[in-house]
Amino acid sequence: MYSVRSVQLAPALDCRQFISKVRGELLFSDSDEAFIRLGEVQYVYCFQFGIISFFNCPDELQEKLSQGISKAGLVDSESLTED
């Protein structure tokens, strides 16, 4: 059985920068999202509205990518608004 997990890391993410930082095979992208193969049956999906989805990725890899997004400054500050 495969595992699927989605987490909201920020109100907005820059998916284009995400593509440049994550090693893997880019399967699909546009300005709002990116779908990347990380391994044989491992995928990550980045959504502009701040969500990252992992398919069949070990917990360690999920944690590493999540922390990397924060450290790399992939939060899209231009999309953020103060409410």
PDB file of N, CA and C in Angstrom:
ATOM      1  N   MET A   1       0.839  -1.171   0.000  1.00  0.00           N
ATOM      2  CA  MET A   1       0.000   0.000   0.000  1.00  0.00           C
ATOM      3  C   MET A   1       0.890   1.241   0.000  1.00  0.00           C
ATOM      4  N   TYR A   2       0.498   2.249  -0.745  1.00  0.00           N
ATOM      5  CA  TYR A   2       1.251   3.501  -0.835  1.00  0.00           C
ATOM      6  C   TYR A   2       0.705   4.518   0.161  1.00  0.00           C
ATOM      7  N   SER A   3       1.583   5.380   0.639  1.00  0.00           N
ATOM      8  CA  SER A   3       1.161   6.432   1.557  1.00  0.00           C
ATOM      9  C   SER A   3       1.044   7.754   0.808  1.00  0.00           C
ATOM     10  N   VAL A   4       0.096   8.565   1.247  1.00  0.00           N
ATOM     11  CA  VAL A   4      -0.112   9.898   0.679  1.00  0.00           C
ATOM     12  C   VAL A   4      -0.245  10.862   1.849  1.00  0.00           C
ATOM     13  N   ARG A   5       0.447  11.981   1.751  1.00  0.00           N
ATOM     14  CA  ARG A   5       0.376  12.993   2.804  1.00  0.00           C
ATOM     15  C   ARG A   5       0.441  14.377   2.168  1.00  0.00           C
ATOM     16  N   SER A   6      -0.393  15.269   2.642  1.00  0.00           N
ATOM     17  CA  SER A   6      -0.378  16.666   2.187  1.00  0.00           C
ATOM     18  C   SER A   6      -0.254  17.565   3.404  1.00  0.00           C
ATOM     19  N   VAL A   7       0.570  18.602   3.268  1.00  0.00           N
ATOM     20  CA  VAL A   7       0.746  19.561   4.348  1.00  0.00           C
ATOM     21  C   VAL A   7       0.733  20.972   3.785  1.00  0.00           C
ATOM     22  N   GLN A   8       0.132  21.877   4.527  1.00  0.00           N
ATOM     23  CA  GLN A   8       0.186  23.280   4.134  1.00  0.00           C
ATOM     24  C   GLN A   8       1.336  23.912   4.888  1.00  0.00           C
ATOM     25  N   LEU A   9       2.360  24.327   4.141  1.00  0.00           N
ATOM     26  CA  LEU A   9       3.573  24.872   4.727  1.00  0.00           C
ATOM     27  C   LEU A   9       3.550  26.390   4.837  1.00  0.00           C
ATOM     28  N   ALA A  10       2.725  27.035   4.023  1.00  0.00           N
ATOM     29  CA  ALA A  10       2.684  28.500   3.989  1.00  0.00           C
ATOM     30  C   ALA A  10       1.403  28.927   3.283  1.00  0.00           C
ATOM     31  N   PRO A  11       1.037  30.192   3.390  1.00  0.00           N
ATOM     32  CA  PRO A  11      -0.126  30.685   2.642  1.00  0.00           C
ATOM     33  C   PRO A  11       0.098  30.649   1.135  1.00  0.00           C
ATOM     34  N   ALA A  12       1.371  30.734   0.704  1.00  0.00           N
ATOM     35  CA  ALA A  12       1.693  30.705  -0.727  1.00  0.00           C
ATOM     36  C   ALA A  12       3.122  30.202  -0.905  1.00  0.00           C
ATOM     37  N   LEU A  13       3.352  29.488  -2.012  1.00  0.00           N
ATOM     38  CA  LEU A  13       4.689  28.996  -2.355  1.00  0.00           C
ATOM     39  C   LEU A  13       5.019  29.378  -3.788  1.00  0.00           C
ATOM     40  N   ASP A  14       6.284  29.592  -4.047  1.00  0.00           N
ATOM     41  CA  ASP A  14       6.753  29.875  -5.401  1.00  0.00           C
ATOM     42  C   ASP A  14       7.119  28.544  -6.055  1.00  0.00           C
ATOM     43  N   CYS A  15       6.236  27.998  -6.862  1.00  0.00           N
ATOM     44  CA  CYS A  15       6.437  26.680  -7.468  1.00  0.00           C
ATOM     45  C   CYS A  15       7.591  26.675  -8.471  1.00  0.00           C
ATOM     46  N   ARG A  16       7.843  27.777  -9.114  1.00  0.00           N
ATOM     47  CA  ARG A  16       8.968  27.812 -10.063  1.00  0.00           C
ATOM     48  C   ARG A  16      10.299  27.681  -9.329  1.00  0.00           C
ATOM     49  N   GLN A  17      10.425  28.338  -8.198  1.00  0.00           N
ATOM     50  CA  GLN A  17      11.642  28.177  -7.396  1.00  0.00           C
ATOM     51  C   GLN A  17      11.722  26.765  -6.820  1.00  0.00           C
ATOM     52  N   PHE A  18      10.580  26.220  -6.458  1.00  0.00           N
ATOM     53  CA  PHE A  18      10.522  24.849  -5.955  1.00  0.00           C
ATOM     54  C   PHE A  18      11.116  23.885  -6.977  1.00  0.00           C
ATOM     55  N   ILE A  19      10.741  24.055  -8.235  1.00  0.00           N
ATOM     56  CA  ILE A  19      11.253  23.202  -9.316  1.00  0.00           C
ATOM     57  C   ILE A  19      12.778  23.284  -9.386  1.00  0.00           C
ATOM     58  N   SER A  20      13.311  24.480  -9.241  1.00  0.00           N
ATOM     59  CA  SER A  20      14.757  24.652  -9.358  1.00  0.00           C
ATOM     60  C   SER A  20      15.518  24.073  -8.164  1.00  0.00           C
ATOM     61  N   LYS A  21      14.861  23.888  -7.034  1.00  0.00           N
ATOM     62  CA  LYS A  21      15.528  23.410  -5.816  1.00  0.00           C
ATOM     63  C   LYS A  21      15.399  21.908  -5.596  1.00  0.00           C
ATOM     64  N   VAL A  22      14.368  21.280  -6.144  1.00  0.00           N
ATOM     65  CA  VAL A  22      14.111  19.859  -5.891  1.00  0.00           C
ATOM     66  C   VAL A  22      14.705  19.013  -7.013  1.00  0.00           C
ATOM     67  N   ARG A  23      15.486  18.016  -6.622  1.00  0.00           N
ATOM     68  CA  ARG A  23      16.066  17.103  -7.611  1.00  0.00           C
ATOM     69  C   ARG A  23      15.063  16.014  -7.934  1.00  0.00           C
ATOM     70  N   GLY A  24      14.778  15.865  -9.193  1.00  0.00           N
ATOM     71  CA  GLY A  24      13.849  14.843  -9.645  1.00  0.00           C
ATOM     72  C   GLY A  24      13.442  15.139 -11.074  1.00  0.00           C
ATOM     73  N   GLU A  25      12.583  14.295 -11.601  1.00  0.00           N
ATOM     74  CA  GLU A  25      12.105  14.448 -12.977  1.00  0.00           C
ATOM     75  C   GLU A  25      10.823  15.276 -12.981  1.00  0.00           C
ATOM     76  N   LEU A  26      10.871  16.435 -13.610  1.00  0.00           N
ATOM     77  CA  LEU A  26       9.692  17.287 -13.706  1.00  0.00           C
ATOM     78  C   LEU A  26       8.708  16.649 -14.686  1.00  0.00           C
ATOM     79  N   LEU A  27       7.525  16.322 -14.201  1.00  0.00           N
ATOM     80  CA  LEU A  27       6.507  15.680 -15.033  1.00  0.00           C
ATOM     81  C   LEU A  27       5.483  16.676 -15.559  1.00  0.00           C
ATOM     82  N   PHE A  28       5.229  17.720 -14.762  1.00  0.00           N
ATOM     83  CA  PHE A  28       4.252  18.740 -15.167  1.00  0.00           C
ATOM     84  C   PHE A  28       4.496  19.995 -14.351  1.00  0.00           C
ATOM     85  N   SER A  29       4.317  21.138 -14.987  1.00  0.00           N
ATOM     86  CA  SER A  29       4.343  22.390 -14.232  1.00  0.00           C
ATOM     87  C   SER A  29       3.659  23.487 -15.021  1.00  0.00           C
ATOM     88  N   ASP A  30       3.138  24.436 -14.272  1.00  0.00           N
ATOM     89  CA  ASP A  30       2.673  25.708 -14.815  1.00  0.00           C
ATOM     90  C   ASP A  30       2.910  26.733 -13.710  1.00  0.00           C
ATOM     91  N   SER A  31       2.353  27.898 -13.804  1.00  0.00           N
ATOM     92  CA  SER A  31       2.646  28.933 -12.810  1.00  0.00           C
ATOM     93  C   SER A  31       2.052  28.628 -11.429  1.00  0.00           C
ATOM     94  N   ASP A  32       1.102  27.706 -11.364  1.00  0.00           N
ATOM     95  CA  ASP A  32       0.400  27.420 -10.112  1.00  0.00           C
ATOM     96  C   ASP A  32       0.804  26.135  -9.419  1.00  0.00           C
ATOM     97  N   GLU A  33       1.476  25.215 -10.136  1.00  0.00           N
ATOM     98  CA  GLU A  33       1.748  23.911  -9.560  1.00  0.00           C
ATOM     99  C   GLU A  33       2.932  23.227 -10.241  1.00  0.00           C
ATOM    100  N   ALA A  34       3.475  22.222  -9.553  1.00  0.00           N
ATOM    101  CA  ALA A  34       4.581  21.440 -10.108  1.00  0.00           C
ATOM    102  C   ALA A  34       4.462  20.009  -9.612  1.00  0.00           C
ATOM    103  N   PHE A  35       4.670  19.058 -10.513  1.00  0.00           N
ATOM    104  CA  PHE A  35       4.584  17.637 -10.208  1.00  0.00           C
ATOM    105  C   PHE A  35       5.923  17.005 -10.560  1.00  0.00           C
ATOM    106  N   ILE A  36       6.603  16.440  -9.562  1.00  0.00           N
ATOM    107  CA  ILE A  36       7.969  15.948  -9.733  1.00  0.00           C
ATOM    108  C   ILE A  36       8.081  14.500  -9.252  1.00  0.00           C
ATOM    109  N   ARG A  37       8.727  13.668 -10.069  1.00  0.00           N
ATOM    110  CA  ARG A  37       9.028  12.289  -9.673  1.00  0.00           C
ATOM    111  C   ARG A  37      10.368  12.308  -8.947  1.00  0.00           C
ATOM    112  N   LEU A  38      10.370  11.787  -7.727  1.00  0.00           N
ATOM    113  CA  LEU A  38      11.582  11.758  -6.920  1.00  0.00           C
ATOM    114  C   LEU A  38      12.291  10.412  -7.004  1.00  0.00           C
ATOM    115  N   GLY A  39      11.550   9.379  -7.290  1.00  0.00           N
ATOM    116  CA  GLY A  39      12.093   8.027  -7.345  1.00  0.00           C
ATOM    117  C   GLY A  39      11.181   7.145  -8.164  1.00  0.00           C
ATOM    118  N   GLU A  40      11.446   5.854  -8.125  1.00  0.00           N
ATOM    119  CA  GLU A  40      10.685   4.882  -8.917  1.00  0.00           C
ATOM    120  C   GLU A  40       9.171   5.080  -8.774  1.00  0.00           C
ATOM    121  N   VAL A  41       8.700   5.117  -7.553  1.00  0.00           N
ATOM    122  CA  VAL A  41       7.272   5.331  -7.292  1.00  0.00           C
ATOM    123  C   VAL A  41       7.133   6.348  -6.157  1.00  0.00           C
ATOM    124  N   GLN A  42       7.856   7.461  -6.277  1.00  0.00           N
ATOM    125  CA  GLN A  42       7.800   8.534  -5.283  1.00  0.00           C
ATOM    126  C   GLN A  42       7.609   9.860  -6.004  1.00  0.00           C
ATOM    127  N   TYR A  43       6.621  10.614  -5.547  1.00  0.00           N
ATOM    128  CA  TYR A  43       6.279  11.875  -6.205  1.00  0.00           C
ATOM    129  C   TYR A  43       6.034  12.961  -5.167  1.00  0.00           C
ATOM    130  N   VAL A  44       6.239  14.200  -5.597  1.00  0.00           N
ATOM    131  CA  VAL A  44       5.887  15.355  -4.781  1.00  0.00           C
ATOM    132  C   VAL A  44       5.163  16.348  -5.689  1.00  0.00           C
ATOM    133  N   TYR A  45       4.121  16.984  -5.140  1.00  0.00           N
ATOM    134  CA  TYR A  45       3.312  17.950  -5.880  1.00  0.00           C
ATOM    135  C   TYR A  45       3.310  19.247  -5.088  1.00  0.00           C
ATOM    136  N   CYS A  46       3.681  20.328  -5.717  1.00  0.00           N
ATOM    137  CA  CYS A  46       3.710  21.651  -5.093  1.00  0.00           C
ATOM    138  C   CYS A  46       2.532  22.464  -5.636  1.00  0.00           C
ATOM    139  N   PHE A  47       1.772  23.039  -4.736  1.00  0.00           N
ATOM    140  CA  PHE A  47       0.664  23.913  -5.131  1.00  0.00           C
ATOM    141  C   PHE A  47       0.980  25.335  -4.699  1.00  0.00           C
ATOM    142  N   GLN A  48       0.683  26.296  -5.546  1.00  0.00           N
ATOM    143  CA  GLN A  48       0.972  27.704  -5.284  1.00  0.00           C
ATOM    144  C   GLN A  48       0.340  28.191  -3.980  1.00  0.00           C
ATOM    145  N   PHE A  49      -0.775  27.600  -3.594  1.00  0.00           N
ATOM    146  CA  PHE A  49      -1.463  28.066  -2.386  1.00  0.00           C
ATOM    147  C   PHE A  49      -0.891  27.449  -1.112  1.00  0.00           C
ATOM    148  N   GLY A  50       0.370  26.971  -1.183  1.00  0.00           N
ATOM    149  CA  GLY A  50       1.106  26.609   0.005  1.00  0.00           C
ATOM    150  C   GLY A  50       1.097  25.153   0.416  1.00  0.00           C
ATOM    151  N   ILE A  51       0.515  24.299  -0.411  1.00  0.00           N
ATOM    152  CA  ILE A  51       0.405  22.885  -0.055  1.00  0.00           C
ATOM    153  C   ILE A  51       1.414  22.050  -0.833  1.00  0.00           C
ATOM    154  N   ILE A  52       2.034  21.118  -0.119  1.00  0.00           N
ATOM    155  CA  ILE A  52       2.918  20.128  -0.721  1.00  0.00           C
ATOM    156  C   ILE A  52       2.298  18.762  -0.446  1.00  0.00           C
ATOM    157  N   SER A  53       2.181  17.940  -1.490  1.00  0.00           N
ATOM    158  CA  SER A  53       1.656  16.589  -1.347  1.00  0.00           C
ATOM    159  C   SER A  53       2.754  15.589  -1.681  1.00  0.00           C
ATOM    160  N   PHE A  54       2.849  14.572  -0.847  1.00  0.00           N
ATOM    161  CA  PHE A  54       3.845  13.530  -1.020  1.00  0.00           C
ATOM    162  C   PHE A  54       3.150  12.209  -1.319  1.00  0.00           C
ATOM    163  N   PHE A  55       3.642  11.486  -2.307  1.00  0.00           N
ATOM    164  CA  PHE A  55       3.125  10.160  -2.616  1.00  0.00           C
ATOM    165  C   PHE A  55       4.256   9.160  -2.448  1.00  0.00           C
ATOM    166  N   ASN A  56       4.082   8.226  -1.513  1.00  0.00           N
ATOM    167  CA  ASN A  56       5.016   7.133  -1.291  1.00  0.00           C
ATOM    168  C   ASN A  56       6.431   7.616  -0.945  1.00  0.00           C
ATOM    169  N   CYS A  57       6.525   8.693  -0.199  1.00  0.00           N
ATOM    170  CA  CYS A  57       7.823   9.228   0.219  1.00  0.00           C
ATOM    171  C   CYS A  57       8.043   8.896   1.693  1.00  0.00           C
ATOM    172  N   PRO A  58       9.246   8.431   2.042  1.00  0.00           N
ATOM    173  CA  PRO A  58       9.524   8.159   3.451  1.00  0.00           C
ATOM    174  C   PRO A  58       9.413   9.435   4.292  1.00  0.00           C
ATOM    175  N   ASP A  59       9.108   9.262   5.562  1.00  0.00           N
ATOM    176  CA  ASP A  59       8.952  10.409   6.468  1.00  0.00           C
ATOM    177  C   ASP A  59      10.194  11.299   6.470  1.00  0.00           C
ATOM    178  N   GLU A  60      11.373  10.689   6.417  1.00  0.00           N
ATOM    179  CA  GLU A  60      12.618  11.455   6.439  1.00  0.00           C
ATOM    180  C   GLU A  60      12.718  12.391   5.234  1.00  0.00           C
ATOM    181  N   LEU A  61      12.329  11.893   4.072  1.00  0.00           N
ATOM    182  CA  LEU A  61      12.359  12.711   2.854  1.00  0.00           C
ATOM    183  C   LEU A  61      11.330  13.836   2.927  1.00  0.00           C
ATOM    184  N   GLN A  62      10.154  13.535   3.427  1.00  0.00           N
ATOM    185  CA  GLN A  62       9.120  14.559   3.585  1.00  0.00           C
ATOM    186  C   GLN A  62       9.605  15.668   4.502  1.00  0.00           C
ATOM    187  N   GLU A  63      10.227  15.293   5.602  1.00  0.00           N
ATOM    188  CA  GLU A  63      10.732  16.279   6.561  1.00  0.00           C
ATOM    189  C   GLU A  63      11.849  17.113   5.936  1.00  0.00           C
ATOM    190  N   LYS A  64      12.742  16.447   5.218  1.00  0.00           N
ATOM    191  CA  LYS A  64      13.859  17.147   4.572  1.00  0.00           C
ATOM    192  C   LYS A  64      13.343  18.169   3.553  1.00  0.00           C
ATOM    193  N   LEU A  65      12.382  17.778   2.721  1.00  0.00           N
ATOM    194  CA  LEU A  65      11.830  18.703   1.733  1.00  0.00           C
ATOM    195  C   LEU A  65      11.066  19.845   2.398  1.00  0.00           C
ATOM    196  N   SER A  66      10.291  19.534   3.414  1.00  0.00           N
ATOM    197  CA  SER A  66       9.524  20.569   4.115  1.00  0.00           C
ATOM    198  C   SER A  66      10.449  21.598   4.753  1.00  0.00           C
ATOM    199  N   GLN A  67      11.505  21.135   5.414  1.00  0.00           N
ATOM    200  CA  GLN A  67      12.458  22.051   6.036  1.00  0.00           C
ATOM    201  C   GLN A  67      13.225  22.838   4.976  1.00  0.00           C
ATOM    202  N   GLY A  68      13.551  22.174   3.866  1.00  0.00           N
ATOM    203  CA  GLY A  68      14.268  22.842   2.784  1.00  0.00           C
ATOM    204  C   GLY A  68      13.468  23.975   2.175  1.00  0.00           C
ATOM    205  N   ILE A  69      12.174  23.794   2.069  1.00  0.00           N
ATOM    206  CA  ILE A  69      11.311  24.839   1.517  1.00  0.00           C
ATOM    207  C   ILE A  69      11.357  26.076   2.409  1.00  0.00           C
ATOM    208  N   SER A  70      11.294  25.869   3.710  1.00  0.00           N
ATOM    209  CA  SER A  70      11.351  26.992   4.643  1.00  0.00           C
ATOM    210  C   SER A  70      12.707  27.692   4.587  1.00  0.00           C
ATOM    211  N   LYS A  71      13.787  26.911   4.593  1.00  0.00           N
ATOM    212  CA  LYS A  71      15.132  27.487   4.592  1.00  0.00           C
ATOM    213  C   LYS A  71      15.461  28.187   3.284  1.00  0.00           C
ATOM    214  N   ALA A  72      14.921  27.678   2.179  1.00  0.00           N
ATOM    215  CA  ALA A  72      15.240  28.246   0.862  1.00  0.00           C
ATOM    216  C   ALA A  72      14.428  29.497   0.566  1.00  0.00           C
ATOM    217  N   GLY A  73      13.481  29.844   1.426  1.00  0.00           N
ATOM    218  CA  GLY A  73      12.686  31.047   1.212  1.00  0.00           C
ATOM    219  C   GLY A  73      11.712  30.929   0.049  1.00  0.00           C
ATOM    220  N   LEU A  74      11.110  29.742  -0.119  1.00  0.00           N
ATOM    221  CA  LEU A  74      10.193  29.545  -1.237  1.00  0.00           C
ATOM    222  C   LEU A  74       8.798  30.088  -0.973  1.00  0.00           C
ATOM    223  N   VAL A  75       8.603  30.651   0.208  1.00  0.00           N
ATOM    224  CA  VAL A  75       7.320  31.292   0.490  1.00  0.00           C
ATOM    225  C   VAL A  75       7.220  32.517  -0.394  1.00  0.00           C
ATOM    226  N   ASP A  76       6.145  32.618  -1.137  1.00  0.00           N
ATOM    227  CA  ASP A  76       5.947  33.705  -2.091  1.00  0.00           C
ATOM    228  C   ASP A  76       5.365  34.910  -1.359  1.00  0.00           C
ATOM    229  N   SER A  77       6.230  35.797  -0.907  1.00  0.00           N
ATOM    230  CA  SER A  77       5.797  36.932  -0.095  1.00  0.00           C
ATOM    231  C   SER A  77       4.920  37.908  -0.869  1.00  0.00           C
ATOM    232  N   GLU A  78       5.028  37.939  -2.200  1.00  0.00           N
ATOM    233  CA  GLU A  78       4.181  38.843  -2.986  1.00  0.00           C
ATOM    234  C   GLU A  78       2.718  38.400  -2.964  1.00  0.00           C
ATOM    235  N   SER A  79       2.488  37.111  -2.716  1.00  0.00           N
ATOM    236  CA  SER A  79       1.122  36.594  -2.685  1.00  0.00           C
ATOM    237  C   SER A  79       0.481  36.732  -1.319  1.00  0.00           C
ATOM    238  N   LEU A  80       1.273  37.068  -0.320  1.00  0.00           N
ATOM    239  CA  LEU A  80       0.741  37.167   1.028  1.00  0.00           C
ATOM    240  C   LEU A  80       0.070  38.509   1.254  1.00  0.00           C
ATOM    241  N   THR A  81      -1.001  38.481   1.995  1.00  0.00           N
ATOM    242  CA  THR A  81      -1.692  39.726   2.344  1.00  0.00           C
ATOM    243  C   THR A  81      -1.874  39.766   3.855  1.00  0.00           C
ATOM    244  N   GLU A  82      -1.957  40.951   4.373  1.00  0.00           N
ATOM    245  CA  GLU A  82      -2.234  41.101   5.801  1.00  0.00           C
ATOM    246  C   GLU A  82      -3.725  41.268   5.986  1.00  0.00           C
ATOM    247  N   ASP A  83      -4.283  40.433   6.840  1.00  0.00           N
ATOM    248  CA  ASP A  83      -5.722  40.501   7.125  1.00  0.00           C
ATOM    249  C   ASP A  83      -5.953  41.052   8.512  1.00  0.00           C
TER     250      ASP A  83
END
